[in-house]
Amino acid sequence: MTITKLSEVEISSAIAQLSGWAVVDGKLQKNFKFRDFVEAFGFISRIAIIADKMGHHPELFNAYNKVKIDLTTHDVGGLSALDFELAQKIDKLPY
């Protein structure tokens, strides 16, 4: 399967299917807030399992009860369908 960089039109169409995600500095980004550090870290762990199965690894940032996720496809130098697929899977996780 060949992964390609999405055009601005394709990105606009794909992001319209998501809730709370935005393109920031060329990356698909969303912030989450939890009750405490353990919930936040558990969420990160669930993302790690999904991402590893996809072979597509996000940039994850954690500060106590906050998690910031940045998605990009380094191999294409921008956003690809993989980023939006992973975002949809993340949004299905309980939080």
C-alpha atoms as a PDB file:
ATOM      1  CA  MET A   1       0.000   0.000   0.000  1.00  0.00           C
ATOM      2  CA  THR A   2       1.382   3.375  -1.011  1.00  0.00           C
ATOM      3  CA  ILE A   3       0.861   6.210   1.441  1.00  0.00           C
ATOM      4  CA  THR A   4       0.607   9.676  -0.087  1.00  0.00           C
ATOM      5  CA  LYS A   5       0.477  13.179   1.288  1.00  0.00           C
ATOM      6  CA  LEU A   6      -3.053  14.596   1.279  1.00  0.00           C
ATOM      7  CA  SER A   7      -3.902  17.828  -0.510  1.00  0.00           C
ATOM      8  CA  GLU A   8      -5.434  20.779   1.348  1.00  0.00           C
ATOM      9  CA  VAL A   9      -8.837  19.871  -0.130  1.00  0.00           C
ATOM     10  CA  GLU A  10      -8.511  16.257   1.046  1.00  0.00           C
ATOM     11  CA  ILE A  11      -7.430  17.434   4.519  1.00  0.00           C
ATOM     12  CA  SER A  12     -10.422  19.801   4.762  1.00  0.00           C
ATOM     13  CA  SER A  13     -12.777  17.007   3.783  1.00  0.00           C
ATOM     14  CA  ALA A  14     -11.225  14.492   6.203  1.00  0.00           C
ATOM     15  CA  ILE A  15     -11.095  16.849   9.189  1.00  0.00           C
ATOM     16  CA  ALA A  16     -14.799  17.625   8.744  1.00  0.00           C
ATOM     17  CA  GLN A  17     -15.424  13.990   9.739  1.00  0.00           C
ATOM     18  CA  LEU A  18     -13.644  14.454  13.090  1.00  0.00           C
ATOM     19  CA  SER A  19     -14.600  16.243  16.289  1.00  0.00           C
ATOM     20  CA  GLY A  20     -12.173  18.476  18.151  1.00  0.00           C
ATOM     21  CA  TRP A  21      -9.178  17.914  15.868  1.00  0.00           C
ATOM     22  CA  ALA A  22      -7.343  20.786  14.164  1.00  0.00           C
ATOM     23  CA  VAL A  23      -4.371  21.169  11.896  1.00  0.00           C
ATOM     24  CA  VAL A  24      -1.659  22.961  13.875  1.00  0.00           C
ATOM     25  CA  ASP A  25       1.780  23.525  12.377  1.00  0.00           C
ATOM     26  CA  GLY A  26       1.024  20.945   9.691  1.00  0.00           C
ATOM     27  CA  LYS A  27       0.025  18.236  12.185  1.00  0.00           C
ATOM     28  CA  LEU A  28      -3.379  16.871  13.129  1.00  0.00           C
ATOM     29  CA  GLN A  29      -3.755  17.793  16.795  1.00  0.00           C
ATOM     30  CA  LYS A  30      -6.180  17.241  19.658  1.00  0.00           C
ATOM     31  CA  ASN A  31      -5.982  17.884  23.395  1.00  0.00           C
ATOM     32  CA  PHE A  32      -7.617  15.733  26.058  1.00  0.00           C
ATOM     33  CA  LYS A  33      -8.139  16.301  29.795  1.00  0.00           C
ATOM     34  CA  PHE A  34      -8.680  13.560  32.384  1.00  0.00           C
ATOM     35  CA  ARG A  35      -9.417  13.350  36.096  1.00  0.00           C
ATOM     36  CA  ASP A  36      -5.846  12.462  36.977  1.00  0.00           C
ATOM     37  CA  PHE A  37      -2.475  11.212  35.767  1.00  0.00           C
ATOM     38  CA  VAL A  38      -3.433   7.517  35.891  1.00  0.00           C
ATOM     39  CA  GLU A  39      -6.429   8.035  33.574  1.00  0.00           C
ATOM     40  CA  ALA A  40      -4.326  10.104  31.189  1.00  0.00           C
ATOM     41  CA  PHE A  41      -1.545   7.530  31.112  1.00  0.00           C
ATOM     42  CA  GLY A  42      -4.029   4.684  30.629  1.00  0.00           C
ATOM     43  CA  PHE A  43      -5.425   6.534  27.603  1.00  0.00           C
ATOM     44  CA  ILE A  44      -1.912   6.901  26.192  1.00  0.00           C
ATOM     45  CA  SER A  45      -1.329   3.167  26.700  1.00  0.00           C
ATOM     46  CA  ARG A  46      -4.469   2.284  24.746  1.00  0.00           C
ATOM     47  CA  ILE A  47      -3.380   4.598  21.931  1.00  0.00           C
ATOM     48  CA  ALA A  48       0.050   2.959  21.882  1.00  0.00           C
ATOM     49  CA  ILE A  49      -1.454  -0.493  21.310  1.00  0.00           C
ATOM     50  CA  ILE A  50      -3.638   0.717  18.419  1.00  0.00           C
ATOM     51  CA  ALA A  51      -0.844   2.767  16.854  1.00  0.00           C
ATOM     52  CA  ASP A  52       1.637  -0.081  17.038  1.00  0.00           C
ATOM     53  CA  LYS A  53      -0.792  -2.450  15.301  1.00  0.00           C
ATOM     54  CA  MET A  54      -1.167   0.152  12.540  1.00  0.00           C
ATOM     55  CA  GLY A  55       2.572   0.741  12.340  1.00  0.00           C
ATOM     56  CA  HIS A  56       1.803   4.459  12.622  1.00  0.00           C
ATOM     57  CA  HIS A  57       3.089   6.147  15.760  1.00  0.00           C
ATOM     58  CA  PRO A  58       1.771   9.484  17.053  1.00  0.00           C
ATOM     59  CA  GLU A  59       3.575  12.175  18.973  1.00  0.00           C
ATOM     60  CA  LEU A  60       2.115  11.961  22.483  1.00  0.00           C
ATOM     61  CA  PHE A  61       2.623  14.592  25.182  1.00  0.00           C
ATOM     62  CA  ASN A  62       1.486  14.151  28.786  1.00  0.00           C
ATOM     63  CA  ALA A  63       1.431  16.651  31.651  1.00  0.00           C
ATOM     64  CA  TYR A  64      -0.375  15.254  34.701  1.00  0.00           C
ATOM     65  CA  ASN A  65      -4.014  14.952  33.548  1.00  0.00           C
ATOM     66  CA  LYS A  66      -3.552  16.413  30.066  1.00  0.00           C
ATOM     67  CA  VAL A  67      -2.660  14.617  26.844  1.00  0.00           C
ATOM     68  CA  LYS A  68      -1.810  16.314  23.560  1.00  0.00           C
ATOM     69  CA  ILE A  69      -1.676  14.223  20.400  1.00  0.00           C
ATOM     70  CA  ASP A  70       0.030  15.277  17.181  1.00  0.00           C
ATOM     71  CA  LEU A  71      -0.403  13.108  14.099  1.00  0.00           C
ATOM     72  CA  THR A  72       1.702  13.367  10.959  1.00  0.00           C
ATOM     73  CA  THR A  73       3.165  10.969   8.442  1.00  0.00           C
ATOM     74  CA  HIS A  74       6.895  11.619   8.438  1.00  0.00           C
ATOM     75  CA  ASP A  75       7.443   9.416   5.369  1.00  0.00           C
ATOM     76  CA  VAL A  76       5.369  11.780   3.195  1.00  0.00           C
ATOM     77  CA  GLY A  77       6.245  15.032   4.943  1.00  0.00           C
ATOM     78  CA  GLY A  78       2.698  15.881   5.970  1.00  0.00           C
ATOM     79  CA  LEU A  79      -0.722  14.433   6.610  1.00  0.00           C
ATOM     80  CA  SER A  80      -1.904  11.164   5.086  1.00  0.00           C
ATOM     81  CA  ALA A  81      -4.993   8.985   5.347  1.00  0.00           C
ATOM     82  CA  LEU A  82      -3.211   7.083   8.144  1.00  0.00           C
ATOM     83  CA  ASP A  83      -3.350  10.157  10.382  1.00  0.00           C
ATOM     84  CA  PHE A  84      -7.088  10.491   9.958  1.00  0.00           C
ATOM     85  CA  GLU A  85      -7.644   6.749  10.415  1.00  0.00           C
ATOM     86  CA  LEU A  86      -5.706   6.823  13.687  1.00  0.00           C
ATOM     87  CA  ALA A  87      -7.595   9.947  14.837  1.00  0.00           C
ATOM     88  CA  GLN A  88     -10.905   8.148  14.263  1.00  0.00           C
ATOM     89  CA  LYS A  89      -9.695   5.151  16.276  1.00  0.00           C
ATOM     90  CA  ILE A  90      -8.512   7.407  19.103  1.00  0.00           C
ATOM     91  CA  ASP A  91     -11.903   9.128  19.179  1.00  0.00           C
ATOM     92  CA  LYS A  92     -13.594   5.750  19.714  1.00  0.00           C
ATOM     93  CA  LEU A  93     -11.608   5.137  22.918  1.00  0.00           C
ATOM     94  CA  PRO A  94     -13.430   5.929  26.158  1.00  0.00           C
ATOM     95  CA  TYR A  95     -12.209   9.084  27.866  1.00  0.00           C
END
